[in-house]
Protein backbone atom coordinates (compact mmCIF):
# COMPACT_ATOMS: atom_id res chain seq x y z
CA UNK A 1 -0.05 0.15 -0.08
CA UNK A 2 1.49 3.36 -0.63
CA UNK A 3 1.68 6.42 1.45
CA UNK A 4 -1.50 7.89 0.14
CA UNK A 5 -3.66 5.75 0.79
CA UNK A 6 -2.26 5.07 4.12
CA UNK A 7 -2.27 8.95 5.41
CA UNK A 8 -5.78 8.81 3.84
CA UNK A 9 -6.90 5.56 5.90
CA UNK A 10 -5.18 6.98 9.60
CA UNK A 11 -7.43 10.27 8.88
CA UNK A 12 -10.76 8.08 8.68
CA UNK A 13 -9.92 5.90 10.88
CA UNK A 14 -8.93 9.41 13.71
CA UNK A 15 -12.63 10.56 12.61
CA UNK A 16 -11.08 13.44 11.23
CA UNK A 17 -11.46 15.52 7.99
CA UNK A 18 -8.70 16.74 5.34
CA UNK A 19 -9.12 20.41 7.20
CA UNK A 20 -8.63 19.07 10.11
CA UNK A 21 -5.18 18.06 9.71
CA UNK A 22 -4.28 20.65 6.85
CA UNK A 23 -5.09 22.93 9.82
CA UNK A 24 -2.32 20.94 11.88
CA UNK A 25 0.24 20.72 9.37
CA UNK A 26 -0.43 24.26 8.81
CA UNK A 27 -1.41 24.01 5.44
CA UNK A 28 -4.52 24.19 2.81
CA UNK A 29 -7.22 21.50 2.54
CA UNK A 30 -6.07 21.97 -1.13
CA UNK A 31 -2.64 21.28 -0.43
CA UNK A 32 -3.43 18.25 1.91
CA UNK A 33 -6.17 17.18 -0.58
CA UNK A 34 -3.19 16.71 -3.07
CA UNK A 35 -1.07 14.20 -0.37
CA UNK A 36 -4.14 12.18 -0.11
CA UNK A 37 -4.07 12.29 -4.24
CA UNK A 38 -0.56 11.59 -4.95
CA UNK A 39 -0.54 15.13 -7.08
CA UNK A 40 1.92 16.26 -4.95
CA UNK A 41 4.50 15.10 -2.81
CA UNK A 42 4.30 15.23 0.58
CA UNK A 43 7.00 17.38 3.12
CA UNK A 44 9.08 15.33 5.06
CA UNK A 45 7.96 17.88 8.10
CA UNK A 46 4.32 17.23 7.86
CA UNK A 47 5.38 13.05 7.25
CA UNK A 48 7.13 14.23 10.75
CA UNK A 49 4.21 16.33 12.03
CA UNK A 50 1.98 13.00 10.70
CA UNK A 51 3.99 10.62 12.67
CA UNK A 52 3.55 12.08 16.11
CA UNK A 53 0.30 12.57 15.29
CA UNK A 54 -1.36 9.71 14.77
CA UNK A 55 1.71 7.72 16.93
CA UNK A 56 3.02 5.34 14.31
CA UNK A 57 6.42 5.22 12.46
CA UNK A 58 7.74 6.88 8.87
CA UNK A 59 7.69 3.19 8.07
CA UNK A 60 4.28 2.73 8.51
CA UNK A 61 3.35 5.66 6.59
CA UNK A 62 5.87 4.90 3.87
CA UNK A 63 3.72 1.81 3.12
CA UNK A 64 8.06 -0.20 4.10
CA UNK A 65 6.14 -2.14 7.67
CA UNK A 66 3.04 -3.07 8.46
CA UNK A 67 3.91 -2.63 12.30
CA UNK A 68 2.41 0.75 13.36
């Protein structure tokens, strides 16, 4: 599974909207939607923020490990 599906699944499992996650990342909902679609690559500082927020490893989000 690629990271675009993983970040969408994590967001949906947390019952969060794209707008809420975008606010956590300090970006717009439009930009965050582009990350979830794979239209734009997510900056590393956003990856770190999502790892901390969801309490998962970067390897998990990147699809390198099934272990959260």
